[in-house]
Amino acid sequence: MKFIENVLICGLGAIGTIYADKIQKFSPENLKILVDKERFERYSKSPVIFNGNELKFNYILPDATDFKADLIIIATKYDGLNDAIKNIKNFVKNDTIILSLLNGITSEKIIAEVYGREHLLYSYFIGHSAIRKGRNITQDGVNTIVFGSDNEDDKEKIQLLREFFNAIGAKYEIPDDIIYSMWLKFLLNVSSNQTSAVLGKTFGEMVSSEKCMDFLVKVMKEVIEIAKAEGVNNVDKLLVDGLNVLKAMSPNGKTSMLQDIEAKRKTEVDMFAGVIIELGKKHNIHTPYNILLQTLIKEAEKKF
């Protein structure tokens, strides 16, 4: 593959819509949005509205056989990952690049178990939270895809993505250590997303509360201990880097998990606390704060 043309996006939520909009403006004829029949009917009748503009895309169903993707972007929630893995099957070719923009540290491994590590680059989304209310999504333009690899054989894929993101005007970063970067994002998700979901606080409200920040640090330290056991490099930097990123977030911004709680949607607690708890068992590390957060969030979910 000399360059990326055909793109398939799986997941038209807050993050998926950001990049669907960018690619649509650049090359609408080469973009397909993968949906099931229910979503096809819903989006056809009531298109997504992004920053006040109604977006009409070329939708494709999982059983289609007339489209092969150079790039597949998976931007579902965690509970939609298994369906996404199954539904992209007809669109994967030998050199398809798959990017997973899900939170957490496990989705690439799960996808690779089906399609092979050679299709994957590590990746995640950072930026100000997009606000989703029904079919209306708003985002202020502060958004970046971070991607990379710990494998020298992936240099060509990285260059192809760099050229593509330059072409569509998407901001990106390619860190020297993508594994460290992913654990830094995971540290923030596990601590701030879950705490905000329990307390109903914005970023600014969390940062301005001494007791809240003390609790966040305790949650972060559990993640750091797990990261060290998993062999992540430079774990001693994680706490300071994590706190600096948290303090730089938009004060009025809400985490995606708080938005899920407020909208009575299933959260990604299994991807955050659930993973930390399981890794804690694996390494014989106690994780009481994540056990507490998981319990409280699961109880909140029972209400809806």
Protein backbone atom coordinates (compact mmCIF):
# COMPACT_ATOMS: atom_id res chain seq x y z
CA MET A 1 0.00 0.00 0.00
CA LYS A 2 1.51 3.32 -1.12
CA PHE A 3 -1.04 5.56 0.57
CA ILE A 4 -4.30 5.38 2.51
CA GLU A 5 -7.47 5.90 0.49
CA ASN A 6 -10.41 3.80 1.66
CA VAL A 7 -11.33 4.31 5.31
CA LEU A 8 -13.87 2.47 7.45
CA ILE A 9 -15.02 3.91 10.78
CA CYS A 10 -16.73 1.66 13.28
CA GLY A 11 -18.43 3.68 15.99
CA LEU A 12 -20.14 7.02 15.39
CA GLY A 13 -20.04 8.31 18.93
CA ALA A 14 -18.29 11.39 20.25
CA ILE A 15 -14.78 10.44 19.05
CA GLY A 16 -15.69 8.57 15.88
CA THR A 17 -17.69 11.54 14.64
CA ILE A 18 -14.72 13.91 15.01
CA TYR A 19 -12.69 11.89 12.52
CA ALA A 20 -15.61 10.94 10.30
CA ASP A 21 -16.20 14.67 9.83
CA LYS A 22 -12.53 15.36 8.98
CA ILE A 23 -12.29 12.49 6.48
CA GLN A 24 -15.66 13.32 4.94
CA LYS A 25 -14.49 16.84 4.18
CA PHE A 26 -11.28 15.51 2.60
CA SER A 27 -12.54 12.54 0.59
CA PRO A 28 -16.23 11.66 1.08
CA GLU A 29 -16.23 9.02 -1.66
CA ASN A 30 -13.60 6.95 0.19
CA LEU A 31 -15.24 6.95 3.63
CA LYS A 32 -17.67 4.32 4.89
CA ILE A 33 -19.34 4.21 8.31
CA LEU A 34 -19.97 0.65 9.50
CA VAL A 35 -23.39 0.22 11.11
CA ASP A 36 -25.92 -2.48 11.86
CA LYS A 37 -29.44 -2.36 10.40
CA GLU A 38 -30.92 -0.58 13.41
CA ARG A 39 -28.33 2.20 13.29
CA PHE A 40 -28.59 2.43 9.51
CA GLU A 41 -32.30 3.21 9.81
CA ARG A 42 -31.78 5.58 12.73
CA TYR A 43 -28.90 7.56 11.19
CA SER A 44 -30.64 7.70 7.81
CA LYS A 45 -33.72 9.28 9.39
CA SER A 46 -31.92 11.33 12.05
CA PRO A 47 -28.29 12.04 11.08
CA VAL A 48 -25.71 12.92 13.69
CA ILE A 49 -25.35 16.66 14.31
CA PHE A 50 -21.74 17.66 14.93
CA ASN A 51 -21.01 21.19 16.12
CA GLY A 52 -24.38 22.29 14.74
CA ASN A 53 -23.96 20.68 11.31
CA GLU A 54 -26.02 17.68 10.23
CA LEU A 55 -23.69 15.01 8.84
CA LYS A 56 -24.78 12.54 6.17
CA PHE A 57 -22.37 9.67 5.58
CA ASN A 58 -22.08 6.66 3.31
CA TYR A 59 -23.13 3.81 5.57
CA ILE A 60 -22.21 0.17 5.04
CA LEU A 61 -23.58 -3.00 6.64
CA PRO A 62 -21.35 -5.79 8.01
CA ASP A 63 -22.36 -8.27 5.30
CA ALA A 64 -21.20 -6.04 2.40
CA THR A 65 -18.42 -7.52 0.26
CA ASP A 66 -17.66 -4.70 -2.19
CA PHE A 67 -15.39 -2.55 -0.01
CA LYS A 68 -11.89 -3.14 1.36
CA ALA A 69 -10.34 -0.68 3.79
CA ASP A 70 -6.80 0.64 3.87
CA LEU A 71 -7.53 2.00 7.35
CA ILE A 72 -10.11 0.89 9.90
CA ILE A 73 -10.76 3.16 12.89
CA ILE A 74 -12.58 1.49 15.78
CA ALA A 75 -14.17 4.11 18.02
CA THR A 76 -16.86 2.17 19.84
CA LYS A 77 -17.36 1.88 23.56
CA TYR A 78 -15.68 -1.08 25.26
CA ASP A 79 -18.90 -3.09 25.37
CA GLY A 80 -19.15 -2.75 21.59
CA LEU A 81 -15.63 -3.99 20.83
CA ASN A 82 -16.49 -7.66 20.29
CA ASP A 83 -19.25 -6.75 17.83
CA ALA A 84 -16.86 -4.38 16.05
CA ILE A 85 -14.22 -7.10 15.72
CA LYS A 86 -16.79 -9.43 14.20
CA ASN A 87 -18.35 -6.79 11.93
CA ILE A 88 -15.12 -5.53 10.28
CA LYS A 89 -14.22 -8.99 8.96
CA ASN A 90 -15.33 -8.42 5.34
CA PHE A 91 -13.35 -5.17 5.06
CA VAL A 92 -9.90 -6.33 6.20
CA LYS A 93 -7.28 -7.05 3.53
CA ASN A 94 -3.65 -8.12 3.83
CA ASP A 95 -2.28 -4.62 4.49
CA THR A 96 -5.22 -3.01 6.29
CA ILE A 97 -4.15 -0.85 9.24
CA ILE A 98 -6.42 -1.05 12.28
CA LEU A 99 -6.49 1.75 14.87
CA SER A 100 -8.42 1.35 18.09
CA LEU A 101 -9.31 4.64 19.75
CA LEU A 102 -10.91 2.96 22.74
CA ASN A 103 -9.83 3.90 26.21
CA GLY A 104 -7.78 1.41 28.18
CA ILE A 105 -4.79 -0.80 27.43
CA THR A 106 -6.42 -4.04 26.25
CA SER A 107 -8.27 -3.42 22.97
CA GLU A 108 -5.23 -3.84 20.68
CA LYS A 109 -4.46 -7.21 22.22
CA ILE A 110 -8.08 -8.33 21.85
CA ILE A 111 -8.20 -7.26 18.19
CA ALA A 112 -4.81 -8.85 17.44
CA GLU A 113 -6.06 -12.20 18.72
CA VAL A 114 -8.46 -12.25 15.74
CA TYR A 115 -6.65 -10.36 12.97
CA GLY A 116 -2.98 -10.62 13.95
CA ARG A 117 -0.56 -8.13 15.44
CA GLU A 118 0.68 -7.11 11.97
CA HIS A 119 -2.50 -5.08 11.34
CA LEU A 120 -2.35 -3.08 14.57
CA LEU A 121 -0.69 0.10 15.72
CA TYR A 122 -1.11 1.24 19.31
CA SER A 123 -3.27 4.35 19.47
CA TYR A 124 -5.56 6.47 21.60
CA PHE A 125 -7.40 9.79 21.61
CA ILE A 126 -6.59 12.78 23.78
CA GLY A 127 -8.34 16.14 23.88
CA HIS A 128 -11.14 18.01 25.51
CA SER A 129 -14.18 15.87 26.10
CA ALA A 130 -16.83 15.89 23.42
CA ILE A 131 -20.32 16.50 24.78
CA ARG A 132 -22.96 14.13 23.46
CA LYS A 133 -26.67 14.70 24.00
CA GLY A 134 -28.86 12.45 21.91
CA ARG A 135 -27.73 12.86 18.31
CA ASN A 136 -26.03 16.20 19.03
CA ILE A 137 -22.25 16.13 19.52
CA THR A 138 -20.12 19.19 20.24
CA GLN A 139 -16.33 19.37 20.51
CA ASP A 140 -14.09 22.41 20.64
CA GLY A 141 -11.41 21.21 18.22
CA VAL A 142 -8.85 20.26 20.85
CA ASN A 143 -8.26 16.68 19.74
CA THR A 144 -5.25 14.52 18.94
CA ILE A 145 -4.62 10.92 17.97
CA VAL A 146 -1.53 9.47 19.63
CA PHE A 147 -0.14 6.42 17.84
CA GLY A 148 2.99 4.38 17.44
CA SER A 149 4.55 0.95 17.86
CA ASP A 150 7.15 -0.94 19.83
CA ASN A 151 8.01 -2.92 16.68
CA GLU A 152 10.57 -1.70 14.14
CA ASP A 153 8.65 -3.49 11.37
CA ASP A 154 5.80 -0.96 11.71
CA LYS A 155 7.72 2.04 10.36
CA GLU A 156 5.91 1.95 7.00
CA LYS A 157 2.48 1.88 8.65
CA ILE A 158 3.44 4.80 10.87
CA GLN A 159 4.60 6.82 7.85
CA LEU A 160 1.40 6.05 5.93
CA LEU A 161 -0.70 7.26 8.86
CA ARG A 162 1.42 10.37 9.26
CA GLU A 163 0.84 11.28 5.61
CA PHE A 164 -2.89 10.56 5.86
CA PHE A 165 -3.41 12.63 9.00
CA ASN A 166 -1.46 15.49 7.45
CA ALA A 167 -3.73 15.32 4.41
CA ILE A 168 -7.02 15.41 6.38
CA GLY A 169 -5.77 17.99 8.87
CA ALA A 170 -5.90 15.74 11.92
CA LYS A 171 -3.60 16.51 14.83
CA TYR A 172 -1.41 13.60 15.92
CA GLU A 173 1.56 12.68 18.09
CA ILE A 174 4.04 9.83 17.70
CA PRO A 175 5.74 9.38 21.10
CA ASP A 176 9.10 7.70 21.55
CA ASP A 177 7.50 5.21 23.97
CA ILE A 178 3.91 4.49 22.96
CA ILE A 179 3.48 1.92 25.75
CA TYR A 180 4.34 4.50 28.43
CA SER A 181 2.00 6.99 26.75
CA MET A 182 -0.86 4.49 26.75
CA TRP A 183 -0.36 3.74 30.44
CA LEU A 184 -0.32 7.48 31.19
CA LYS A 185 -3.70 7.84 29.46
CA PHE A 186 -4.93 4.73 31.29
CA LEU A 187 -3.78 6.19 34.62
CA LEU A 188 -5.88 9.29 33.94
CA ASN A 189 -8.92 7.28 32.84
CA VAL A 190 -8.83 4.97 35.84
CA SER A 191 -8.42 7.81 38.32
CA SER A 192 -10.32 10.81 36.97
CA ASN A 193 -13.07 9.13 34.90
CA GLN A 194 -14.16 6.81 37.66
CA THR A 195 -13.87 9.36 40.46
CA SER A 196 -15.84 11.93 38.48
CA ALA A 197 -18.54 9.35 37.75
CA VAL A 198 -18.97 8.64 41.46
CA LEU A 199 -18.79 12.24 42.66
CA GLY A 200 -20.39 14.03 39.70
CA LYS A 201 -17.52 16.49 39.43
CA THR A 202 -15.99 18.31 36.45
CA PHE A 203 -12.22 18.38 35.97
CA GLY A 204 -12.01 21.77 37.63
CA GLU A 205 -14.08 20.68 40.61
CA MET A 206 -11.87 17.63 41.14
CA VAL A 207 -8.62 19.59 40.89
CA SER A 208 -9.84 22.28 43.31
CA SER A 209 -10.81 19.73 45.97
CA GLU A 210 -7.91 18.69 48.24
CA LYS A 211 -9.69 15.56 49.46
CA CYS A 212 -10.64 14.57 45.93
CA MET A 213 -7.06 14.96 44.73
CA ASP A 214 -5.78 12.92 47.67
CA PHE A 215 -8.13 10.14 46.62
CA LEU A 216 -7.11 10.44 42.96
CA VAL A 217 -3.46 10.07 43.90
CA LYS A 218 -4.23 6.86 45.81
CA VAL A 219 -6.00 5.46 42.74
CA MET A 220 -3.09 6.51 40.53
CA LYS A 221 -0.60 4.76 42.80
CA GLU A 222 -2.50 1.49 42.36
CA VAL A 223 -2.20 1.86 38.58
CA ILE A 224 1.50 2.70 38.87
CA GLU A 225 2.19 -0.39 40.95
CA ILE A 226 0.46 -2.53 38.31
CA ALA A 227 2.34 -0.77 35.49
CA LYS A 228 5.64 -1.53 37.20
CA ALA A 229 4.70 -5.21 37.52
CA GLU A 230 3.75 -5.24 33.82
CA GLY A 231 7.22 -4.00 32.87
CA VAL A 232 6.30 -0.49 31.72
CA ASN A 233 9.34 1.78 31.44
CA ASN A 234 9.78 5.01 33.45
CA VAL A 235 6.90 4.31 35.84
CA ASP A 236 8.42 6.77 38.32
CA LYS A 237 7.30 9.59 36.01
CA LEU A 238 3.67 8.50 35.77
CA LEU A 239 2.34 10.26 38.87
CA VAL A 240 3.80 13.70 38.11
CA ASP A 241 2.96 13.46 34.40
CA GLY A 242 -0.58 12.32 35.19
CA LEU A 243 -1.24 15.15 37.63
CA ASN A 244 0.14 17.72 35.19
CA VAL A 245 -2.17 16.50 32.42
CA LEU A 246 -5.17 16.43 34.75
CA LYS A 247 -4.57 20.01 35.88
CA ALA A 248 -4.35 21.14 32.24
CA MET A 249 -7.78 19.78 31.34
CA SER A 250 -10.63 22.19 30.65
CA PRO A 251 -12.06 23.07 34.11
CA ASN A 252 -15.66 22.82 32.92
CA GLY A 253 -15.07 19.59 31.02
CA LYS A 254 -16.76 16.34 32.02
CA THR A 255 -15.20 12.93 31.65
CA SER A 256 -16.86 10.49 29.28
CA MET A 257 -17.80 8.24 32.21
CA LEU A 258 -19.57 11.06 34.03
CA GLN A 259 -21.46 11.80 30.82
CA ASP A 260 -22.42 8.10 30.62
CA ILE A 261 -23.75 8.15 34.18
CA GLU A 262 -25.73 11.34 33.56
CA ALA A 263 -27.18 9.90 30.33
CA LYS A 264 -27.92 6.55 32.05
CA ARG A 265 -25.61 4.66 29.68
CA LYS A 266 -23.47 1.65 30.55
CA THR A 267 -19.99 2.80 31.57
CA GLU A 268 -16.51 1.49 30.80
CA VAL A 269 -15.80 0.51 34.40
CA ASP A 270 -14.84 -3.02 33.31
CA MET A 271 -12.12 -1.54 31.08
CA PHE A 272 -10.75 0.59 33.92
CA ALA A 273 -11.23 -0.81 37.44
CA GLY A 274 -12.01 -4.25 36.06
CA VAL A 275 -8.66 -4.51 34.26
CA ILE A 276 -6.71 -3.13 37.24
CA ILE A 277 -8.39 -5.60 39.59
CA GLU A 278 -7.62 -8.55 37.30
CA LEU A 279 -4.00 -7.47 36.84
CA GLY A 280 -3.77 -7.02 40.59
CA LYS A 281 -4.79 -10.64 41.06
CA LYS A 282 -2.25 -11.69 38.43
CA HIS A 283 0.61 -9.92 40.24
CA ASN A 284 -0.70 -10.40 43.81
CA ILE A 285 -1.15 -6.63 44.23
CA HIS A 286 -3.99 -5.27 46.38
CA THR A 287 -6.26 -2.77 44.60
CA PRO A 288 -8.81 -1.63 47.22
CA TYR A 289 -9.53 1.77 45.68
CA ASN A 290 -10.40 0.30 42.31
CA ILE A 291 -12.51 -2.37 43.98
CA LEU A 292 -14.40 0.42 45.75
CA LEU A 293 -14.84 2.44 42.53
CA GLN A 294 -16.02 -0.61 40.61
CA THR A 295 -18.57 -1.43 43.31
CA LEU A 296 -19.96 2.12 43.46
CA ILE A 297 -20.19 2.52 39.67
CA LYS A 298 -21.82 -0.89 39.21
CA GLU A 299 -24.38 0.09 41.84
CA ALA A 300 -25.05 3.35 39.99
CA GLU A 301 -25.57 1.42 36.74
CA LYS A 302 -28.25 -0.72 38.37
CA LYS A 303 -30.49 2.36 38.55
CA PHE A 304 -30.77 2.38 34.78
